[in-house]
C-alpha atoms as a PDB file:
ATOM      1  CA  UNK A   1       3.757  -5.764 -11.143  1.00  0.00           C
ATOM      2  CA  UNK A   2       4.290  -9.659  -9.916  1.00  0.00           C
ATOM      3  CA  UNK A   3       2.916 -10.056  -6.606  1.00  0.00           C
ATOM      4  CA  UNK A   4       5.289 -12.033  -4.624  1.00  0.00           C
ATOM      5  CA  UNK A   5       7.526  -8.523  -4.513  1.00  0.00           C
ATOM      6  CA  UNK A   6       5.963  -6.945  -3.442  1.00  0.00           C
ATOM      7  CA  UNK A   7       4.281  -6.668   0.236  1.00  0.00           C
ATOM      8  CA  UNK A   8       2.578  -5.261   2.734  1.00  0.00           C
ATOM      9  CA  UNK A   9       2.698  -5.396   6.905  1.00  0.00           C
ATOM     10  CA  UNK A  10      -0.132  -3.631   8.189  1.00  0.00           C
ATOM     11  CA  UNK A  11      -2.538  -6.249   8.007  1.00  0.00           C
ATOM     12  CA  UNK A  12      -3.651  -9.055   9.690  1.00  0.00           C
ATOM     13  CA  UNK A  13      -1.986 -12.460   9.907  1.00  0.00           C
ATOM     14  CA  UNK A  14      -3.184 -14.292   7.214  1.00  0.00           C
ATOM     15  CA  UNK A  15      -1.905 -11.591   4.218  1.00  0.00           C
ATOM     16  CA  UNK A  16       1.166 -11.896   6.770  1.00  0.00           C
ATOM     17  CA  UNK A  17       1.979 -14.830   5.645  1.00  0.00           C
ATOM     18  CA  UNK A  18       2.005 -14.209   2.448  1.00  0.00           C
ATOM     19  CA  UNK A  19       5.033 -12.156   3.199  1.00  0.00           C
ATOM     20  CA  UNK A  20       7.105 -14.769   4.228  1.00  0.00           C
ATOM     21  CA  UNK A  21       7.413 -14.615   7.917  1.00  0.00           C
ATOM     22  CA  UNK A  22       6.222 -16.424  10.537  1.00  0.00           C
ATOM     23  CA  UNK A  23       6.432 -13.786  12.962  1.00  0.00           C
ATOM     24  CA  UNK A  24       4.951 -10.811  11.332  1.00  0.00           C
ATOM     25  CA  UNK A  25       7.086  -7.218  12.177  1.00  0.00           C
ATOM     26  CA  UNK A  26       4.326  -5.252  13.388  1.00  0.00           C
ATOM     27  CA  UNK A  27       4.437  -3.124  16.508  1.00  0.00           C
ATOM     28  CA  UNK A  28       1.092  -3.545  17.178  1.00  0.00           C
ATOM     29  CA  UNK A  29      -2.417  -6.086  18.081  1.00  0.00           C
ATOM     30  CA  UNK A  30      -3.105  -6.948  14.151  1.00  0.00           C
ATOM     31  CA  UNK A  31      -6.640  -7.412  14.992  1.00  0.00           C
ATOM     32  CA  UNK A  32      -8.636 -10.643  14.965  1.00  0.00           C
ATOM     33  CA  UNK A  33      -7.840 -13.801  13.303  1.00  0.00           C
ATOM     34  CA  UNK A  34      -8.894 -14.490  10.232  1.00  0.00           C
ATOM     35  CA  UNK A  35     -11.529 -17.010   9.661  1.00  0.00           C
ATOM     36  CA  UNK A  36     -11.880 -19.429   6.675  1.00  0.00           C
ATOM     37  CA  UNK A  37     -14.476 -17.696   3.515  1.00  0.00           C
ATOM     38  CA  UNK A  38     -15.714 -20.798   2.579  1.00  0.00           C
ATOM     39  CA  UNK A  39     -18.762 -20.070   3.259  1.00  0.00           C
ATOM     40  CA  UNK A  40     -18.995 -17.280   0.674  1.00  0.00           C
ATOM     41  CA  UNK A  41     -19.676 -17.187  -2.912  1.00  0.00           C
ATOM     42  CA  UNK A  42     -17.855 -14.781  -4.951  1.00  0.00           C
ATOM     43  CA  UNK A  43     -19.972 -12.900  -7.719  1.00  0.00           C
ATOM     44  CA  UNK A  44     -18.447  -9.920 -10.154  1.00  0.00           C
ATOM     45  CA  UNK A  45     -20.584  -7.540 -10.042  1.00  0.00           C
ATOM     46  CA  UNK A  46     -22.432  -5.867 -13.027  1.00  0.00           C
ATOM     47  CA  UNK A  47     -20.233  -3.579 -14.974  1.00  0.00           C
ATOM     48  CA  UNK A  48     -21.002  -1.065 -17.949  1.00  0.00           C
ATOM     49  CA  UNK A  49     -18.132   0.580 -19.818  1.00  0.00           C
ATOM     50  CA  UNK A  50     -19.422   3.974 -19.162  1.00  0.00           C
ATOM     51  CA  UNK A  51     -17.769   6.187 -16.519  1.00  0.00           C
ATOM     52  CA  UNK A  52     -17.606   5.012 -12.940  1.00  0.00           C
ATOM     53  CA  UNK A  53     -20.634   6.911 -10.655  1.00  0.00           C
ATOM     54  CA  UNK A  54     -19.529   7.773  -7.323  1.00  0.00           C
ATOM     55  CA  UNK A  55     -21.279   5.919  -4.284  1.00  0.00           C
ATOM     56  CA  UNK A  56     -20.014   8.915  -1.802  1.00  0.00           C
ATOM     57  CA  UNK A  57     -20.250  12.470  -2.502  1.00  0.00           C
ATOM     58  CA  UNK A  58     -17.458  14.537  -3.742  1.00  0.00           C
ATOM     59  CA  UNK A  59     -14.307  14.799  -1.579  1.00  0.00           C
ATOM     60  CA  UNK A  60     -13.284  18.059  -0.279  1.00  0.00           C
ATOM     61  CA  UNK A  61     -10.400  20.000  -2.972  1.00  0.00           C
ATOM     62  CA  UNK A  62      -7.829  19.812  -0.415  1.00  0.00           C
ATOM     63  CA  UNK A  63      -5.160  17.356   1.337  1.00  0.00           C
ATOM     64  CA  UNK A  64      -5.886  15.598   4.040  1.00  0.00           C
ATOM     65  CA  UNK A  65      -5.674  17.061   7.241  1.00  0.00           C
ATOM     66  CA  UNK A  66      -1.872  16.141   8.585  1.00  0.00           C
ATOM     67  CA  UNK A  67      -2.565  17.950  12.552  1.00  0.00           C
ATOM     68  CA  UNK A  68      -1.768  14.164  13.871  1.00  0.00           C
ATOM     69  CA  UNK A  69       2.329  14.621  12.374  1.00  0.00           C
ATOM     70  CA  UNK A  70       4.231  15.156  15.582  1.00  0.00           C
ATOM     71  CA  UNK A  71       7.569  16.445  14.800  1.00  0.00           C
ATOM     72  CA  UNK A  72       9.056  15.079  17.734  1.00  0.00           C
ATOM     73  CA  UNK A  73       7.957  11.351  17.254  1.00  0.00           C
ATOM     74  CA  UNK A  74      10.980   8.973  16.569  1.00  0.00           C
ATOM     75  CA  UNK A  75      11.070   6.039  15.701  1.00  0.00           C
ATOM     76  CA  UNK A  76      13.810   3.551  17.147  1.00  0.00           C
ATOM     77  CA  UNK A  77      17.011   3.371  14.515  1.00  0.00           C
ATOM     78  CA  UNK A  78      16.992  -0.240  14.812  1.00  0.00           C
ATOM     79  CA  UNK A  79      17.121  -4.001  13.151  1.00  0.00           C
ATOM     80  CA  UNK A  80      14.602  -5.284  15.076  1.00  0.00           C
ATOM     81  CA  UNK A  81      11.719  -2.350  13.769  1.00  0.00           C
ATOM     82  CA  UNK A  82      13.204  -3.778  10.443  1.00  0.00           C
ATOM     83  CA  UNK A  83      13.480  -7.612  11.023  1.00  0.00           C
ATOM     84  CA  UNK A  84      15.875  -9.349   9.457  1.00  0.00           C
ATOM     85  CA  UNK A  85      13.386 -12.794   8.996  1.00  0.00           C
ATOM     86  CA  UNK A  86      14.205 -11.467   4.993  1.00  0.00           C
ATOM     87  CA  UNK A  87      17.549 -10.698   4.929  1.00  0.00           C
ATOM     88  CA  UNK A  88      19.983  -8.540   6.430  1.00  0.00           C
ATOM     89  CA  UNK A  89      19.700  -4.571   6.728  1.00  0.00           C
ATOM     90  CA  UNK A  90      22.600  -3.041   4.872  1.00  0.00           C
ATOM     91  CA  UNK A  91      21.145   0.241   5.815  1.00  0.00           C
ATOM     92  CA  UNK A  92      18.471   2.971   8.425  1.00  0.00           C
ATOM     93  CA  UNK A  93      17.642   6.285   7.107  1.00  0.00           C
ATOM     94  CA  UNK A  94      14.987   8.811   9.430  1.00  0.00           C
ATOM     95  CA  UNK A  95      12.774  10.607   7.257  1.00  0.00           C
ATOM     96  CA  UNK A  96      11.753  13.788   8.748  1.00  0.00           C
ATOM     97  CA  UNK A  97       8.038  15.799   7.729  1.00  0.00           C
ATOM     98  CA  UNK A  98       8.631  13.408   4.746  1.00  0.00           C
ATOM     99  CA  UNK A  99      12.308  14.066   3.823  1.00  0.00           C
ATOM    100  CA  UNK A 100      15.137  11.983   3.518  1.00  0.00           C
ATOM    101  CA  UNK A 101      17.684  12.756   6.641  1.00  0.00           C
ATOM    102  CA  UNK A 102      20.840  10.943   8.087  1.00  0.00           C
ATOM    103  CA  UNK A 103      22.002   7.446   7.738  1.00  0.00           C
ATOM    104  CA  UNK A 104      21.456   6.249  11.393  1.00  0.00           C
ATOM    105  CA  UNK A 105      22.356   2.154  11.275  1.00  0.00           C
ATOM    106  CA  UNK A 106      24.639   0.969   8.595  1.00  0.00           C
ATOM    107  CA  UNK A 107      26.203   3.402   5.215  1.00  0.00           C
ATOM    108  CA  UNK A 108      24.272   4.811   2.217  1.00  0.00           C
ATOM    109  CA  UNK A 109      23.225   3.204  -0.990  1.00  0.00           C
ATOM    110  CA  UNK A 110      23.299   5.105  -3.335  1.00  0.00           C
ATOM    111  CA  UNK A 111      20.588   3.349  -5.141  1.00  0.00           C
ATOM    112  CA  UNK A 112      18.569   2.809  -2.159  1.00  0.00           C
ATOM    113  CA  UNK A 113      18.549   7.180  -2.093  1.00  0.00           C
ATOM    114  CA  UNK A 114      18.190   7.189  -5.734  1.00  0.00           C
ATOM    115  CA  UNK A 115      15.025   5.651  -5.214  1.00  0.00           C
ATOM    116  CA  UNK A 116      14.025   7.897  -2.346  1.00  0.00           C
ATOM    117  CA  UNK A 117      14.400  10.627  -4.026  1.00  0.00           C
ATOM    118  CA  UNK A 118      12.218   9.603  -7.332  1.00  0.00           C
ATOM    119  CA  UNK A 119       9.266   9.004  -4.922  1.00  0.00           C
ATOM    120  CA  UNK A 120       9.568  12.680  -3.673  1.00  0.00           C
ATOM    121  CA  UNK A 121      10.043  14.354  -6.624  1.00  0.00           C
ATOM    122  CA  UNK A 122       6.416  12.633  -7.429  1.00  0.00           C
ATOM    123  CA  UNK A 123       4.683  12.880  -4.126  1.00  0.00           C
ATOM    124  CA  UNK A 124       4.043  15.498  -1.880  1.00  0.00           C
ATOM    125  CA  UNK A 125       5.464  15.808   1.673  1.00  0.00           C
ATOM    126  CA  UNK A 126       1.832  15.226   2.920  1.00  0.00           C
ATOM    127  CA  UNK A 127       1.731  12.115   1.380  1.00  0.00           C
ATOM    128  CA  UNK A 128       5.589  10.560   2.968  1.00  0.00           C
ATOM    129  CA  UNK A 129       3.898  12.602   6.140  1.00  0.00           C
ATOM    130  CA  UNK A 130       3.745   8.550   8.082  1.00  0.00           C
ATOM    131  CA  UNK A 131       6.795   7.180   7.110  1.00  0.00           C
ATOM    132  CA  UNK A 132      10.004   7.867   9.327  1.00  0.00           C
ATOM    133  CA  UNK A 133      12.461   4.996   8.911  1.00  0.00           C
ATOM    134  CA  UNK A 134      13.482   4.335   5.369  1.00  0.00           C
ATOM    135  CA  UNK A 135      15.924   1.063   5.423  1.00  0.00           C
ATOM    136  CA  UNK A 136      17.771  -1.711   2.837  1.00  0.00           C
ATOM    137  CA  UNK A 137      18.252  -5.234   3.277  1.00  0.00           C
ATOM    138  CA  UNK A 138      19.752  -8.087   1.453  1.00  0.00           C
ATOM    139  CA  UNK A 139      17.741 -10.939   0.506  1.00  0.00           C
ATOM    140  CA  UNK A 140      19.042 -13.879  -0.185  1.00  0.00           C
ATOM    141  CA  UNK A 141      17.545 -16.515  -2.794  1.00  0.00           C
ATOM    142  CA  UNK A 142      15.186 -17.983  -1.967  1.00  0.00           C
ATOM    143  CA  UNK A 143      12.679 -14.780  -1.298  1.00  0.00           C
ATOM    144  CA  UNK A 144      12.123 -11.862  -4.463  1.00  0.00           C
ATOM    145  CA  UNK A 145      10.556 -10.174  -2.112  1.00  0.00           C
ATOM    146  CA  UNK A 146      10.919  -6.213  -3.876  1.00  0.00           C
ATOM    147  CA  UNK A 147      10.218  -4.110  -0.712  1.00  0.00           C
ATOM    148  CA  UNK A 148       7.337  -4.044   2.123  1.00  0.00           C
ATOM    149  CA  UNK A 149       5.583  -1.009   4.877  1.00  0.00           C
ATOM    150  CA  UNK A 150       5.207  -1.894   8.058  1.00  0.00           C
ATOM    151  CA  UNK A 151       4.099   0.306  11.883  1.00  0.00           C
ATOM    152  CA  UNK A 152       7.226   0.993  13.883  1.00  0.00           C
ATOM    153  CA  UNK A 153       6.842  -0.745  16.720  1.00  0.00           C
ATOM    154  CA  UNK A 154       6.970   2.240  18.542  1.00  0.00           C
ATOM    155  CA  UNK A 155       3.800   3.141  17.005  1.00  0.00           C
ATOM    156  CA  UNK A 156      -0.099   3.676  18.664  1.00  0.00           C
ATOM    157  CA  UNK A 157      -1.637   3.215  14.709  1.00  0.00           C
ATOM    158  CA  UNK A 158      -0.085   4.314  11.163  1.00  0.00           C
ATOM    159  CA  UNK A 159       1.423   7.542  12.491  1.00  0.00           C
ATOM    160  CA  UNK A 160       5.577   6.104  12.130  1.00  0.00           C
ATOM    161  CA  UNK A 161       6.260   3.919   9.575  1.00  0.00           C
ATOM    162  CA  UNK A 162       8.960   2.337   7.310  1.00  0.00           C
ATOM    163  CA  UNK A 163       9.651   1.341   4.486  1.00  0.00           C
ATOM    164  CA  UNK A 164      11.919  -1.565   3.742  1.00  0.00           C
ATOM    165  CA  UNK A 165      13.357  -2.076   0.001  1.00  0.00           C
ATOM    166  CA  UNK A 166      15.592  -4.958  -1.283  1.00  0.00           C
ATOM    167  CA  UNK A 167      18.944  -3.624  -1.803  1.00  0.00           C
ATOM    168  CA  UNK A 168      19.925  -5.560  -4.878  1.00  0.00           C
ATOM    169  CA  UNK A 169      16.691  -6.085  -7.146  1.00  0.00           C
ATOM    170  CA  UNK A 170      17.257  -1.511  -6.654  1.00  0.00           C
ATOM    171  CA  UNK A 171      19.731  -1.780  -8.203  1.00  0.00           C
ATOM    172  CA  UNK A 172      19.035  -4.296 -11.079  1.00  0.00           C
ATOM    173  CA  UNK A 173      15.834  -2.679 -11.805  1.00  0.00           C
ATOM    174  CA  UNK A 174      15.071   1.082 -10.135  1.00  0.00           C
ATOM    175  CA  UNK A 175      12.405   1.599 -12.157  1.00  0.00           C
ATOM    176  CA  UNK A 176      10.500  -1.260 -11.181  1.00  0.00           C
ATOM    177  CA  UNK A 177      11.679  -0.208  -7.480  1.00  0.00           C
ATOM    178  CA  UNK A 178      10.266   3.137  -8.177  1.00  0.00           C
ATOM    179  CA  UNK A 179       6.453   1.710  -8.674  1.00  0.00           C
ATOM    180  CA  UNK A 180       7.029  -0.766  -6.121  1.00  0.00           C
ATOM    181  CA  UNK A 181       7.614   1.843  -3.352  1.00  0.00           C
ATOM    182  CA  UNK A 182       4.689   4.422  -4.817  1.00  0.00           C
ATOM    183  CA  UNK A 183       2.601   1.183  -4.519  1.00  0.00           C
ATOM    184  CA  UNK A 184       3.941   0.650  -0.499  1.00  0.00           C
ATOM    185  CA  UNK A 185       4.047   4.296   0.144  1.00  0.00           C
ATOM    186  CA  UNK A 186       0.374   3.942  -0.401  1.00  0.00           C
ATOM    187  CA  UNK A 187      -0.494   2.256   1.754  1.00  0.00           C
ATOM    188  CA  UNK A 188       1.296   4.496   4.823  1.00  0.00           C
ATOM    189  CA  UNK A 189      -0.929   7.102   3.915  1.00  0.00           C
ATOM    190  CA  UNK A 190      -4.002   5.463   3.318  1.00  0.00           C
ATOM    191  CA  UNK A 191      -3.807   4.478   7.348  1.00  0.00           C
ATOM    192  CA  UNK A 192      -2.310   7.555   9.143  1.00  0.00           C
ATOM    193  CA  UNK A 193      -4.496   8.674  11.686  1.00  0.00           C
ATOM    194  CA  UNK A 194      -6.661  10.945   9.676  1.00  0.00           C
ATOM    195  CA  UNK A 195      -7.570   7.601   8.066  1.00  0.00           C
ATOM    196  CA  UNK A 196      -7.750   4.970  10.301  1.00  0.00           C
ATOM    197  CA  UNK A 197      -9.151   4.764  13.437  1.00  0.00           C
ATOM    198  CA  UNK A 198      -6.565   1.511  14.444  1.00  0.00           C
ATOM    199  CA  UNK A 199      -7.361  -1.248  17.020  1.00  0.00           C
ATOM    200  CA  UNK A 200     -10.932  -0.871  17.017  1.00  0.00           C
ATOM    201  CA  UNK A 201     -12.973  -4.453  15.816  1.00  0.00           C
ATOM    202  CA  UNK A 202     -15.574  -5.233  12.445  1.00  0.00           C
ATOM    203  CA  UNK A 203     -18.279  -4.735  14.458  1.00  0.00           C
ATOM    204  CA  UNK A 204     -17.571  -1.300  16.184  1.00  0.00           C
ATOM    205  CA  UNK A 205     -17.273  -0.049  12.416  1.00  0.00           C
ATOM    206  CA  UNK A 206     -20.370   0.953  11.819  1.00  0.00           C
ATOM    207  CA  UNK A 207     -20.655   1.228   8.165  1.00  0.00           C
ATOM    208  CA  UNK A 208     -17.325   1.963   7.428  1.00  0.00           C
ATOM    209  CA  UNK A 209     -14.775  -0.311   6.087  1.00  0.00           C
ATOM    210  CA  UNK A 210     -12.904  -2.388   8.542  1.00  0.00           C
ATOM    211  CA  UNK A 211      -8.750  -3.067   6.782  1.00  0.00           C
ATOM    212  CA  UNK A 212      -7.962  -5.690   9.197  1.00  0.00           C
ATOM    213  CA  UNK A 213      -5.674  -3.469  11.612  1.00  0.00           C
ATOM    214  CA  UNK A 214      -9.223  -0.569  12.528  1.00  0.00           C
ATOM    215  CA  UNK A 215     -12.254   1.506  10.811  1.00  0.00           C
ATOM    216  CA  UNK A 216     -11.760   4.097   8.178  1.00  0.00           C
ATOM    217  CA  UNK A 217     -13.236   6.785   8.354  1.00  0.00           C
ATOM    218  CA  UNK A 218     -16.065   7.921   5.870  1.00  0.00           C
ATOM    219  CA  UNK A 219     -14.165  10.360   4.404  1.00  0.00           C
ATOM    220  CA  UNK A 220     -10.535   8.261   3.753  1.00  0.00           C
ATOM    221  CA  UNK A 221      -9.693   7.212   1.132  1.00  0.00           C
ATOM    222  CA  UNK A 222      -9.798   3.524   1.610  1.00  0.00           C
ATOM    223  CA  UNK A 223     -13.649   4.082   2.784  1.00  0.00           C
ATOM    224  CA  UNK A 224     -14.507   5.629  -0.484  1.00  0.00           C
ATOM    225  CA  UNK A 225     -12.263   2.967  -2.584  1.00  0.00           C
ATOM    226  CA  UNK A 226     -14.059   0.362  -1.530  1.00  0.00           C
ATOM    227  CA  UNK A 227     -18.185   1.676  -1.209  1.00  0.00           C
ATOM    228  CA  UNK A 228     -17.043   2.787  -5.398  1.00  0.00           C
ATOM    229  CA  UNK A 229     -15.515  -0.627  -6.478  1.00  0.00           C
ATOM    230  CA  UNK A 230     -16.134  -3.601  -3.810  1.00  0.00           C
ATOM    231  CA  UNK A 231     -19.373  -5.508  -2.692  1.00  0.00           C
ATOM    232  CA  UNK A 232     -19.665  -6.491   0.376  1.00  0.00           C
ATOM    233  CA  UNK A 233     -19.276 -10.317   0.244  1.00  0.00           C
ATOM    234  CA  UNK A 234     -15.826  -9.003  -2.287  1.00  0.00           C
ATOM    235  CA  UNK A 235     -14.167  -6.586   1.463  1.00  0.00           C
ATOM    236  CA  UNK A 236     -15.806 -10.012   3.821  1.00  0.00           C
ATOM    237  CA  UNK A 237     -14.061 -12.927   1.822  1.00  0.00           C
ATOM    238  CA  UNK A 238     -10.961 -10.911   1.253  1.00  0.00           C
ATOM    239  CA  UNK A 239     -10.866  -9.921   4.903  1.00  0.00           C
ATOM    240  CA  UNK A 240     -12.107 -12.947   5.983  1.00  0.00           C
ATOM    241  CA  UNK A 241      -9.832 -15.086   4.069  1.00  0.00           C
ATOM    242  CA  UNK A 242      -6.874 -17.801   5.177  1.00  0.00           C
ATOM    243  CA  UNK A 243      -5.239 -18.010   1.799  1.00  0.00           C
ATOM    244  CA  UNK A 244      -5.989 -14.609  -0.046  1.00  0.00           C
ATOM    245  CA  UNK A 245      -3.466 -15.747  -2.878  1.00  0.00           C
ATOM    246  CA  UNK A 246      -6.023 -17.786  -4.292  1.00  0.00           C
ATOM    247  CA  UNK A 247      -9.594 -15.371  -2.846  1.00  0.00           C
ATOM    248  CA  UNK A 248      -7.230 -12.708  -5.556  1.00  0.00           C
ATOM    249  CA  UNK A 249      -7.033 -15.628  -8.006  1.00  0.00           C
ATOM    250  CA  UNK A 250     -10.348 -16.977  -8.296  1.00  0.00           C
ATOM    251  CA  UNK A 251     -12.454 -12.763  -7.830  1.00  0.00           C
ATOM    252  CA  UNK A 252      -9.827 -11.961 -10.712  1.00  0.00           C
ATOM    253  CA  UNK A 253     -10.691 -15.181 -12.987  1.00  0.00           C
ATOM    254  CA  UNK A 254     -14.617 -13.947 -12.329  1.00  0.00           C
ATOM    255  CA  UNK A 255     -14.202 -10.644 -12.734  1.00  0.00           C
ATOM    256  CA  UNK A 256     -12.406  -7.728 -15.097  1.00  0.00           C
ATOM    257  CA  UNK A 257     -11.826  -4.847 -12.628  1.00  0.00           C
ATOM    258  CA  UNK A 258      -9.033  -5.409 -11.015  1.00  0.00           C
ATOM    259  CA  UNK A 259      -4.401  -4.801 -12.109  1.00  0.00           C
ATOM    260  CA  UNK A 260      -3.787  -8.599 -11.402  1.00  0.00           C
ATOM    261  CA  UNK A 261      -4.799 -11.452  -8.918  1.00  0.00           C
ATOM    262  CA  UNK A 262      -2.913  -9.363  -6.021  1.00  0.00           C
ATOM    263  CA  UNK A 263      -5.397  -6.468  -6.625  1.00  0.00           C
ATOM    264  CA  UNK A 264      -7.551  -8.859  -5.965  1.00  0.00           C
ATOM    265  CA  UNK A 265      -6.625  -9.605  -2.771  1.00  0.00           C
ATOM    266  CA  UNK A 266      -7.835  -7.224  -0.719  1.00  0.00           C
ATOM    267  CA  UNK A 267      -9.085  -3.322  -1.055  1.00  0.00           C
ATOM    268  CA  UNK A 268      -6.064  -2.085   0.551  1.00  0.00           C
ATOM    269  CA  UNK A 269      -3.795  -3.880  -2.764  1.00  0.00           C
ATOM    270  CA  UNK A 270      -6.545  -2.917  -5.292  1.00  0.00           C
ATOM    271  CA  UNK A 271      -6.088   1.132  -4.019  1.00  0.00           C
ATOM    272  CA  UNK A 272      -2.001   0.405  -3.878  1.00  0.00           C
ATOM    273  CA  UNK A 273      -1.492  -1.263  -7.288  1.00  0.00           C
ATOM    274  CA  UNK A 274      -4.411   0.942  -9.293  1.00  0.00           C
ATOM    275  CA  UNK A 275      -2.613   4.655  -7.679  1.00  0.00           C
ATOM    276  CA  UNK A 276       0.731   3.294  -8.780  1.00  0.00           C
ATOM    277  CA  UNK A 277      -0.640   2.867 -11.826  1.00  0.00           C
ATOM    278  CA  UNK A 278      -2.529   6.122 -11.731  1.00  0.00           C
ATOM    279  CA  UNK A 279       0.342   8.257 -11.070  1.00  0.00           C
ATOM    280  CA  UNK A 280       2.733   6.722 -13.985  1.00  0.00           C
ATOM    281  CA  UNK A 281      -0.259   7.063 -16.414  1.00  0.00           C
ATOM    282  CA  UNK A 282      -0.163   3.304 -17.151  1.00  0.00           C
ATOM    283  CA  UNK A 283      -1.949   1.268 -19.599  1.00  0.00           C
ATOM    284  CA  UNK A 284      -4.470  -0.481 -18.793  1.00  0.00           C
ATOM    285  CA  UNK A 285      -7.578  -2.870 -19.357  1.00  0.00           C
ATOM    286  CA  UNK A 286     -10.696  -0.757 -20.321  1.00  0.00           C
ATOM    287  CA  UNK A 287     -12.562  -2.667 -17.515  1.00  0.00           C
ATOM    288  CA  UNK A 288      -9.351  -1.203 -14.909  1.00  0.00           C
ATOM    289  CA  UNK A 289     -10.015   2.344 -16.500  1.00  0.00           C
ATOM    290  CA  UNK A 290     -12.911   3.827 -13.795  1.00  0.00           C
ATOM    291  CA  UNK A 291     -10.918   2.728 -10.819  1.00  0.00           C
ATOM    292  CA  UNK A 292      -8.030   4.655 -12.687  1.00  0.00           C
ATOM    293  CA  UNK A 293     -10.226   7.715 -13.508  1.00  0.00           C
ATOM    294  CA  UNK A 294     -10.858   8.018  -9.700  1.00  0.00           C
ATOM    295  CA  UNK A 295      -7.712   8.886  -8.237  1.00  0.00           C
ATOM    296  CA  UNK A 296      -8.241  12.412 -10.988  1.00  0.00           C
ATOM    297  CA  UNK A 297     -10.823  14.073  -8.160  1.00  0.00           C
ATOM    298  CA  UNK A 298      -8.838  14.514  -6.207  1.00  0.00           C
ATOM    299  CA  UNK A 299      -6.559  17.817  -6.297  1.00  0.00           C
ATOM    300  CA  UNK A 300      -2.929  15.463  -4.408  1.00  0.00           C
ATOM    301  CA  UNK A 301      -2.991  12.774  -6.850  1.00  0.00           C
ATOM    302  CA  UNK A 302      -3.334  14.595 -10.056  1.00  0.00           C
ATOM    303  CA  UNK A 303      -0.463  16.687  -8.781  1.00  0.00           C
ATOM    304  CA  UNK A 304       2.038  13.293  -8.341  1.00  0.00           C
ATOM    305  CA  UNK A 305       0.443  12.411 -12.064  1.00  0.00           C
ATOM    306  CA  UNK A 306       1.521  15.625 -13.614  1.00  0.00           C
ATOM    307  CA  UNK A 307       4.851  15.472 -11.552  1.00  0.00           C
ATOM    308  CA  UNK A 308       5.516  12.535 -13.219  1.00  0.00           C
ATOM    309  CA  UNK A 309       4.594  13.463 -16.831  1.00  0.00           C
ATOM    310  CA  UNK A 310       7.122  16.149 -16.692  1.00  0.00           C
ATOM    311  CA  UNK A 311       9.997  14.309 -14.708  1.00  0.00           C
ATOM    312  CA  UNK A 312      12.758  12.743 -16.488  1.00  0.00           C
ATOM    313  CA  UNK A 313      11.663  10.030 -14.325  1.00  0.00           C
ATOM    314  CA  UNK A 314      12.366   6.378 -17.047  1.00  0.00           C
ATOM    315  CA  UNK A 315       8.836   4.745 -17.019  1.00  0.00           C
ATOM    316  CA  UNK A 316       8.882   1.641 -15.296  1.00  0.00           C
ATOM    317  CA  UNK A 317       7.696  -2.118 -16.882  1.00  0.00           C
ATOM    318  CA  UNK A 318       3.352  -2.507 -17.124  1.00  0.00           C
ATOM    319  CA  UNK A 319       3.397  -5.590 -15.234  1.00  0.00           C
ATOM    320  CA  UNK A 320      -0.277  -5.347 -15.109  1.00  0.00           C
ATOM    321  CA  UNK A 321      -1.622  -8.758 -15.875  1.00  0.00           C
ATOM    322  CA  UNK A 322      -5.990  -7.899 -16.780  1.00  0.00           C
ATOM    323  CA  UNK A 323      -8.202 -10.135 -14.919  1.00  0.00           C
ATOM    324  CA  UNK A 324     -11.490 -11.310 -16.042  1.00  0.00           C
END
């Protein structure tokens, strides 16, 4: 998946800068200022072609808790909650209990509604609960960003989020848009209150992964992912870097266990890229297969993959570029 077309605004200012926005559209303190990674030497860990051995206990075979979800909570349907630095916002939909609701700003865009319906066909309502607004904007010639996800200004954490999609690119390449929106959804469901404790500094996380926004919980998807696939030096380089694109390029060059440079920029992006490839069962390099297989231990993800296999959706393009 080409790096310029996807973007996540959940994380700190260094990552936000890569999204083409000088003023991050995030309603929370994104965390401690990044530092340089000049003193961190990246090395590829030794791996075999054998299936990955999980370093954590197998997860409970049930969907994550959704006790955090408040159906009465409401995000402001306003362009300020989306931001127009990338282009004018043309439509905002409400999302209630994971289902697309009414247009609350602008006019319905059929292609965006169809893209959401395709997402809903494959994913569980529980995975979509964190999304409370779904928006469409029109980009300009200098911006080829396809989609992004971010908390709303009212959010205390990841319980109220937006997925926003560029309208023209969605019309031109709906299959690529579906893959990208699925990627963005992964950022949402990995940062809801049952997965991440927001607004904490790295030294408050103990042994769990700090992803710029807060501390992942011990049994969260992201914490398990980092424990199984990222070394401490790799995490430090990604989360402390001023230039994450350079970190991703360097790590991709020396380690074949990534689905391209963008996946190597940050553990969260690695998870989201791998998740979207898993759901659509896209062919990957043998060195990355252990990451794809990892998702199969979770029944909720296996259900999504089965839904994709049984759907009539056009398969998305496999534009992942091997590393190493």
